[in-house]
Amino acid sequence: MFKIVWAAQIISAAFLIILILMHSPKGDGIASIGGMSQVFASQKSAEKGLNKITYIFASIFLISTFILGYIIKP
């Protein structure tokens, strides 16, 4: 069980790094001064799918972290 959870954590961490780097930057930058940041506020379907996959891998990572923290006691 320990090795399976450890592998799930390593794999989910690697995928999280890749998925987060694939996201488009959401910073408003100088457009926030004039209120123009809301012009391009809609998400595309690819971005929504990428967000869902990121949430799934983040939850797998968090759950495996808690399980490993419970299994490994000092």
PDB file of N, CA and C in Angstrom:
ATOM      1  N   MET A   1       0.826  -1.190   0.000  1.00  0.00           N
ATOM      2  CA  MET A   1       0.000   0.000   0.000  1.00  0.00           C
ATOM      3  C   MET A   1       0.869   1.253   0.000  1.00  0.00           C
ATOM      4  N   PHE A   2       1.950   1.212   0.780  1.00  0.00           N
ATOM      5  CA  PHE A   2       2.832   2.365   0.883  1.00  0.00           C
ATOM      6  C   PHE A   2       3.413   2.739  -0.479  1.00  0.00           C
ATOM      7  N   LYS A   3       3.858   1.753  -1.228  1.00  0.00           N
ATOM      8  CA  LYS A   3       4.480   2.017  -2.529  1.00  0.00           C
ATOM      9  C   LYS A   3       3.467   2.542  -3.543  1.00  0.00           C
ATOM     10  N   ILE A   4       2.242   2.073  -3.466  1.00  0.00           N
ATOM     11  CA  ILE A   4       1.207   2.526  -4.398  1.00  0.00           C
ATOM     12  C   ILE A   4       0.861   3.991  -4.140  1.00  0.00           C
ATOM     13  N   VAL A   5       0.701   4.342  -2.879  1.00  0.00           N
ATOM     14  CA  VAL A   5       0.368   5.731  -2.532  1.00  0.00           C
ATOM     15  C   VAL A   5       1.547   6.639  -2.851  1.00  0.00           C
ATOM     16  N   TRP A   6       2.761   6.168  -2.586  1.00  0.00           N
ATOM     17  CA  TRP A   6       3.947   6.952  -2.898  1.00  0.00           C
ATOM     18  C   TRP A   6       4.054   7.194  -4.406  1.00  0.00           C
ATOM     19  N   ALA A   7       3.795   6.164  -5.212  1.00  0.00           N
ATOM     20  CA  ALA A   7       3.845   6.314  -6.661  1.00  0.00           C
ATOM     21  C   ALA A   7       2.760   7.272  -7.152  1.00  0.00           C
ATOM     22  N   ALA A   8       1.565   7.180  -6.548  1.00  0.00           N
ATOM     23  CA  ALA A   8       0.482   8.097  -6.933  1.00  0.00           C
ATOM     24  C   ALA A   8       0.856   9.536  -6.621  1.00  0.00           C
ATOM     25  N   GLN A   9       1.539   9.753  -5.515  1.00  0.00           N
ATOM     26  CA  GLN A   9       1.939  11.108  -5.157  1.00  0.00           C
ATOM     27  C   GLN A   9       3.000  11.638  -6.114  1.00  0.00           C
ATOM     28  N   ILE A  10       3.970  10.837  -6.462  1.00  0.00           N
ATOM     29  CA  ILE A  10       5.027  11.268  -7.379  1.00  0.00           C
ATOM     30  C   ILE A  10       4.454  11.563  -8.763  1.00  0.00           C
ATOM     31  N   ILE A  11       3.596  10.678  -9.253  1.00  0.00           N
ATOM     32  CA  ILE A  11       3.013  10.867 -10.581  1.00  0.00           C
ATOM     33  C   ILE A  11       2.102  12.084 -10.606  1.00  0.00           C
ATOM     34  N   SER A  12       1.278  12.246  -9.576  1.00  0.00           N
ATOM     35  CA  SER A  12       0.386  13.406  -9.552  1.00  0.00           C
ATOM     36  C   SER A  12       1.169  14.706  -9.415  1.00  0.00           C
ATOM     37  N   ALA A  13       2.281  14.686  -8.691  1.00  0.00           N
ATOM     38  CA  ALA A  13       3.113  15.888  -8.570  1.00  0.00           C
ATOM     39  C   ALA A  13       3.720  16.265  -9.921  1.00  0.00           C
ATOM     40  N   ALA A  14       4.181  15.279 -10.661  1.00  0.00           N
ATOM     41  CA  ALA A  14       4.760  15.557 -11.978  1.00  0.00           C
ATOM     42  C   ALA A  14       3.706  16.121 -12.926  1.00  0.00           C
ATOM     43  N   PHE A  15       2.515  15.516 -12.918  1.00  0.00           N
ATOM     44  CA  PHE A  15       1.456  16.013 -13.786  1.00  0.00           C
ATOM     45  C   PHE A  15       0.980  17.396 -13.354  1.00  0.00           C
ATOM     46  N   LEU A  16       0.965  17.670 -12.063  1.00  0.00           N
ATOM     47  CA  LEU A  16       0.568  18.995 -11.587  1.00  0.00           C
ATOM     48  C   LEU A  16       1.531  20.071 -12.078  1.00  0.00           C
ATOM     49  N   ILE A  17       2.814  19.783 -12.049  1.00  0.00           N
ATOM     50  CA  ILE A  17       3.797  20.746 -12.546  1.00  0.00           C
ATOM     51  C   ILE A  17       3.543  21.040 -14.018  1.00  0.00           C
ATOM     52  N   ILE A  18       3.318  20.006 -14.796  1.00  0.00           N
ATOM     53  CA  ILE A  18       3.085  20.179 -16.232  1.00  0.00           C
ATOM     54  C   ILE A  18       1.784  20.926 -16.484  1.00  0.00           C
ATOM     55  N   LEU A  19       0.722  20.544 -15.790  1.00  0.00           N
ATOM     56  CA  LEU A  19      -0.582  21.176 -16.011  1.00  0.00           C
ATOM     57  C   LEU A  19      -0.594  22.641 -15.585  1.00  0.00           C
ATOM     58  N   ILE A  20       0.057  22.954 -14.492  1.00  0.00           N
ATOM     59  CA  ILE A  20       0.091  24.351 -14.050  1.00  0.00           C
ATOM     60  C   ILE A  20       0.887  25.205 -15.025  1.00  0.00           C
ATOM     61  N   LEU A  21       1.953  24.656 -15.576  1.00  0.00           N
ATOM     62  CA  LEU A  21       2.717  25.409 -16.562  1.00  0.00           C
ATOM     63  C   LEU A  21       1.951  25.587 -17.876  1.00  0.00           C
ATOM     64  N   MET A  22       0.984  24.717 -18.146  1.00  0.00           N
ATOM     65  CA  MET A  22       0.196  24.831 -19.375  1.00  0.00           C
ATOM     66  C   MET A  22      -0.901  25.888 -19.283  1.00  0.00           C
ATOM     67  N   HIS A  23      -1.266  26.296 -18.078  1.00  0.00           N
ATOM     68  CA  HIS A  23      -2.312  27.301 -17.912  1.00  0.00           C
ATOM     69  C   HIS A  23      -1.864  28.644 -18.476  1.00  0.00           C
ATOM     70  N   SER A  24      -2.823  29.388 -18.986  1.00  0.00           N
ATOM     71  CA  SER A  24      -2.517  30.727 -19.465  1.00  0.00           C
ATOM     72  C   SER A  24      -2.429  31.668 -18.274  1.00  0.00           C
ATOM     73  N   PRO A  25      -1.588  32.680 -18.372  1.00  0.00           N
ATOM     74  CA  PRO A  25      -1.470  33.620 -17.252  1.00  0.00           C
ATOM     75  C   PRO A  25      -2.754  34.417 -17.068  1.00  0.00           C
ATOM     76  N   LYS A  26      -3.148  34.603 -15.839  1.00  0.00           N
ATOM     77  CA  LYS A  26      -4.403  35.280 -15.554  1.00  0.00           C
ATOM     78  C   LYS A  26      -4.187  36.674 -14.959  1.00  0.00           C
ATOM     79  N   GLY A  27      -2.973  37.147 -14.970  1.00  0.00           N
ATOM     80  CA  GLY A  27      -2.699  38.460 -14.408  1.00  0.00           C
ATOM     81  C   GLY A  27      -3.340  39.557 -15.242  1.00  0.00           C
ATOM     82  N   ASP A  28      -3.936  40.513 -14.575  1.00  0.00           N
ATOM     83  CA  ASP A  28      -4.587  41.610 -15.281  1.00  0.00           C
ATOM     84  C   ASP A  28      -3.576  42.614 -15.806  1.00  0.00           C
ATOM     85  N   GLY A  29      -2.515  42.764 -15.093  1.00  0.00           N
ATOM     86  CA  GLY A  29      -1.499  43.709 -15.515  1.00  0.00           C
ATOM     87  C   GLY A  29      -2.010  45.139 -15.483  1.00  0.00           C
ATOM     88  N   ILE A  30      -1.643  45.903 -16.477  1.00  0.00           N
ATOM     89  CA  ILE A  30      -2.011  47.312 -16.527  1.00  0.00           C
ATOM     90  C   ILE A  30      -3.469  47.503 -16.938  1.00  0.00           C
ATOM     91  N   ALA A  31      -4.098  46.466 -17.461  1.00  0.00           N
ATOM     92  CA  ALA A  31      -5.502  46.570 -17.873  1.00  0.00           C
ATOM     93  C   ALA A  31      -6.432  46.726 -16.668  1.00  0.00           C
ATOM     94  N   SER A  32      -5.986  46.332 -15.494  1.00  0.00           N
ATOM     95  CA  SER A  32      -6.838  46.453 -14.315  1.00  0.00           C
ATOM     96  C   SER A  32      -7.043  47.906 -13.892  1.00  0.00           C
ATOM     97  N   ILE A  33      -6.172  48.791 -14.314  1.00  0.00           N
ATOM     98  CA  ILE A  33      -6.299  50.197 -13.941  1.00  0.00           C
ATOM     99  C   ILE A  33      -7.524  50.822 -14.603  1.00  0.00           C
ATOM    100  N   GLY A  34      -7.717  50.559 -15.873  1.00  0.00           N
ATOM    101  CA  GLY A  34      -8.832  51.159 -16.603  1.00  0.00           C
ATOM    102  C   GLY A  34     -10.096  50.333 -16.595  1.00  0.00           C
ATOM    103  N   GLY A  35     -10.112  49.207 -15.916  1.00  0.00           N
ATOM    104  CA  GLY A  35     -11.299  48.371 -15.879  1.00  0.00           C
ATOM    105  C   GLY A  35     -11.455  47.486 -17.100  1.00  0.00           C
ATOM    106  N   MET A  36     -10.413  47.359 -17.896  1.00  0.00           N
ATOM    107  CA  MET A  36     -10.486  46.550 -19.115  1.00  0.00           C
ATOM    108  C   MET A  36     -10.166  45.079 -18.849  1.00  0.00           C
ATOM    109  N   SER A  37      -9.952  44.707 -17.613  1.00  0.00           N
ATOM    110  CA  SER A  37      -9.594  43.319 -17.318  1.00  0.00           C
ATOM    111  C   SER A  37     -10.770  42.377 -17.519  1.00  0.00           C
ATOM    112  N   GLN A  38     -11.989  42.869 -17.475  1.00  0.00           N
ATOM    113  CA  GLN A  38     -13.169  42.025 -17.613  1.00  0.00           C
ATOM    114  C   GLN A  38     -13.554  41.774 -19.065  1.00  0.00           C
ATOM    115  N   VAL A  39     -12.873  42.399 -20.007  1.00  0.00           N
ATOM    116  CA  VAL A  39     -13.214  42.230 -21.419  1.00  0.00           C
ATOM    117  C   VAL A  39     -12.938  40.807 -21.869  1.00  0.00           C
ATOM    118  N   PHE A  40     -11.837  40.260 -21.431  1.00  0.00           N
ATOM    119  CA  PHE A  40     -11.453  38.911 -21.842  1.00  0.00           C
ATOM    120  C   PHE A  40     -11.608  37.927 -20.692  1.00  0.00           C
ATOM    121  N   ALA A  41     -12.695  37.999 -19.958  1.00  0.00           N
ATOM    122  CA  ALA A  41     -12.878  37.185 -18.757  1.00  0.00           C
ATOM    123  C   ALA A  41     -13.436  35.796 -19.052  1.00  0.00           C
ATOM    124  N   SER A  42     -13.947  35.535 -20.249  1.00  0.00           N
ATOM    125  CA  SER A  42     -14.556  34.231 -20.521  1.00  0.00           C
ATOM    126  C   SER A  42     -13.485  33.168 -20.734  1.00  0.00           C
ATOM    127  N   GLN A  43     -13.776  31.956 -20.258  1.00  0.00           N
ATOM    128  CA  GLN A  43     -12.854  30.843 -20.423  1.00  0.00           C
ATOM    129  C   GLN A  43     -13.267  30.021 -21.636  1.00  0.00           C
ATOM    130  N   LYS A  44     -12.287  29.514 -22.334  1.00  0.00           N
ATOM    131  CA  LYS A  44     -12.565  28.616 -23.442  1.00  0.00           C
ATOM    132  C   LYS A  44     -12.790  27.216 -22.893  1.00  0.00           C
ATOM    133  N   SER A  45     -13.350  26.343 -23.716  1.00  0.00           N
ATOM    134  CA  SER A  45     -13.632  24.984 -23.251  1.00  0.00           C
ATOM    135  C   SER A  45     -12.353  24.212 -22.959  1.00  0.00           C
ATOM    136  N   ALA A  46     -11.285  24.490 -23.704  1.00  0.00           N
ATOM    137  CA  ALA A  46     -10.020  23.808 -23.429  1.00  0.00           C
ATOM    138  C   ALA A  46      -9.478  24.225 -22.063  1.00  0.00           C
ATOM    139  N   GLU A  47      -9.639  25.495 -21.718  1.00  0.00           N
ATOM    140  CA  GLU A  47      -9.182  25.985 -20.421  1.00  0.00           C
ATOM    141  C   GLU A  47     -10.006  25.370 -19.286  1.00  0.00           C
ATOM    142  N   LYS A  48     -11.303  25.209 -19.514  1.00  0.00           N
ATOM    143  CA  LYS A  48     -12.154  24.589 -18.492  1.00  0.00           C
ATOM    144  C   LYS A  48     -11.765  23.135 -18.276  1.00  0.00           C
ATOM    145  N   GLY A  49     -11.495  22.418 -19.356  1.00  0.00           N
ATOM    146  CA  GLY A  49     -11.058  21.031 -19.242  1.00  0.00           C
ATOM    147  C   GLY A  49      -9.724  20.913 -18.538  1.00  0.00           C
ATOM    148  N   LEU A  50      -8.815  21.845 -18.837  1.00  0.00           N
ATOM    149  CA  LEU A  50      -7.513  21.858 -18.192  1.00  0.00           C
ATOM    150  C   LEU A  50      -7.654  22.139 -16.700  1.00  0.00           C
ATOM    151  N   ASN A  51      -8.583  23.016 -16.350  1.00  0.00           N
ATOM    152  CA  ASN A  51      -8.843  23.290 -14.931  1.00  0.00           C
ATOM    153  C   ASN A  51      -9.378  22.065 -14.211  1.00  0.00           C
ATOM    154  N   LYS A  52     -10.289  21.329 -14.839  1.00  0.00           N
ATOM    155  CA  LYS A  52     -10.850  20.128 -14.216  1.00  0.00           C
ATOM    156  C   LYS A  52      -9.779  19.073 -13.982  1.00  0.00           C
ATOM    157  N   ILE A  53      -8.924  18.867 -14.978  1.00  0.00           N
ATOM    158  CA  ILE A  53      -7.862  17.876 -14.842  1.00  0.00           C
ATOM    159  C   ILE A  53      -6.880  18.297 -13.749  1.00  0.00           C
ATOM    160  N   THR A  54      -6.595  19.596 -13.682  1.00  0.00           N
ATOM    161  CA  THR A  54      -5.699  20.100 -12.645  1.00  0.00           C
ATOM    162  C   THR A  54      -6.289  19.887 -11.262  1.00  0.00           C
ATOM    163  N   TYR A  55      -7.594  20.134 -11.106  1.00  0.00           N
ATOM    164  CA  TYR A  55      -8.249  19.910  -9.821  1.00  0.00           C
ATOM    165  C   TYR A  55      -8.210  18.432  -9.433  1.00  0.00           C
ATOM    166  N   ILE A  56      -8.378  17.555 -10.386  1.00  0.00           N
ATOM    167  CA  ILE A  56      -8.350  16.117 -10.106  1.00  0.00           C
ATOM    168  C   ILE A  56      -6.965  15.692  -9.613  1.00  0.00           C
ATOM    169  N   PHE A  57      -5.915  16.130 -10.329  1.00  0.00           N
ATOM    170  CA  PHE A  57      -4.568  15.756  -9.914  1.00  0.00           C
ATOM    171  C   PHE A  57      -4.172  16.424  -8.603  1.00  0.00           C
ATOM    172  N   ALA A  58      -4.657  17.627  -8.365  1.00  0.00           N
ATOM    173  CA  ALA A  58      -4.376  18.291  -7.086  1.00  0.00           C
ATOM    174  C   ALA A  58      -5.034  17.550  -5.933  1.00  0.00           C
ATOM    175  N   SER A  59      -6.250  17.078  -6.143  1.00  0.00           N
ATOM    176  CA  SER A  59      -6.922  16.332  -5.076  1.00  0.00           C
ATOM    177  C   SER A  59      -6.246  14.984  -4.835  1.00  0.00           C
ATOM    178  N   ILE A  60      -5.789  14.322  -5.898  1.00  0.00           N
ATOM    179  CA  ILE A  60      -5.045  13.065  -5.730  1.00  0.00           C
ATOM    180  C   ILE A  60      -3.768  13.322  -4.936  1.00  0.00           C
ATOM    181  N   PHE A  61      -3.083  14.413  -5.256  1.00  0.00           N
ATOM    182  CA  PHE A  61      -1.851  14.751  -4.541  1.00  0.00           C
ATOM    183  C   PHE A  61      -2.123  15.020  -3.065  1.00  0.00           C
ATOM    184  N   LEU A  62      -3.164  15.794  -2.777  1.00  0.00           N
ATOM    185  CA  LEU A  62      -3.476  16.113  -1.383  1.00  0.00           C
ATOM    186  C   LEU A  62      -3.886  14.880  -0.590  1.00  0.00           C
ATOM    187  N   ILE A  63      -4.724  14.043  -1.184  1.00  0.00           N
ATOM    188  CA  ILE A  63      -5.173  12.831  -0.494  1.00  0.00           C
ATOM    189  C   ILE A  63      -4.005  11.895  -0.230  1.00  0.00           C
ATOM    190  N   SER A  64      -3.136  11.721  -1.227  1.00  0.00           N
ATOM    191  CA  SER A  64      -1.983  10.842  -1.025  1.00  0.00           C
ATOM    192  C   SER A  64      -1.021  11.421   0.005  1.00  0.00           C
ATOM    193  N   THR A  65      -0.925  12.752   0.077  1.00  0.00           N
ATOM    194  CA  THR A  65      -0.076  13.369   1.098  1.00  0.00           C
ATOM    195  C   THR A  65      -0.605  13.088   2.496  1.00  0.00           C
ATOM    196  N   PHE A  66      -1.915  13.219   2.676  1.00  0.00           N
ATOM    197  CA  PHE A  66      -2.505  12.930   3.981  1.00  0.00           C
ATOM    198  C   PHE A  66      -2.363  11.456   4.346  1.00  0.00           C
ATOM    199  N   ILE A  67      -2.550  10.573   3.373  1.00  0.00           N
ATOM    200  CA  ILE A  67      -2.413   9.136   3.648  1.00  0.00           C
ATOM    201  C   ILE A  67      -0.980   8.802   4.031  1.00  0.00           C
ATOM    202  N   LEU A  68      -0.002   9.359   3.291  1.00  0.00           N
ATOM    203  CA  LEU A  68       1.389   9.087   3.634  1.00  0.00           C
ATOM    204  C   LEU A  68       1.754   9.696   4.985  1.00  0.00           C
ATOM    205  N   GLY A  69       1.191  10.822   5.314  1.00  0.00           N
ATOM    206  CA  GLY A  69       1.443  11.416   6.619  1.00  0.00           C
ATOM    207  C   GLY A  69       0.863  10.583   7.740  1.00  0.00           C
ATOM    208  N   TYR A  70      -0.234   9.904   7.468  1.00  0.00           N
ATOM    209  CA  TYR A  70      -0.849   9.033   8.468  1.00  0.00           C
ATOM    210  C   TYR A  70      -0.068   7.720   8.600  1.00  0.00           C
ATOM    211  N   ILE A  71       0.422   7.202   7.459  1.00  0.00           N
ATOM    212  CA  ILE A  71       1.150   5.928   7.473  1.00  0.00           C
ATOM    213  C   ILE A  71       2.523   6.091   8.124  1.00  0.00           C
ATOM    214  N   ILE A  72       3.263   7.155   7.748  1.00  0.00           N
ATOM    215  CA  ILE A  72       4.610   7.359   8.259  1.00  0.00           C
ATOM    216  C   ILE A  72       4.522   8.189   9.532  1.00  0.00           C
ATOM    217  N   LYS A  73       4.739   7.549  10.636  1.00  0.00           N
ATOM    218  CA  LYS A  73       4.726   8.237  11.927  1.00  0.00           C
ATOM    219  C   LYS A  73       6.128   8.241  12.493  1.00  0.00           C
ATOM    220  N   PRO A  74       6.561   9.392  13.038  1.00  0.00           N
ATOM    221  CA  PRO A  74       7.932   9.443  13.597  1.00  0.00           C
ATOM    222  C   PRO A  74       8.060   8.659  14.879  1.00  0.00           C
TER     223      PRO A  74
END
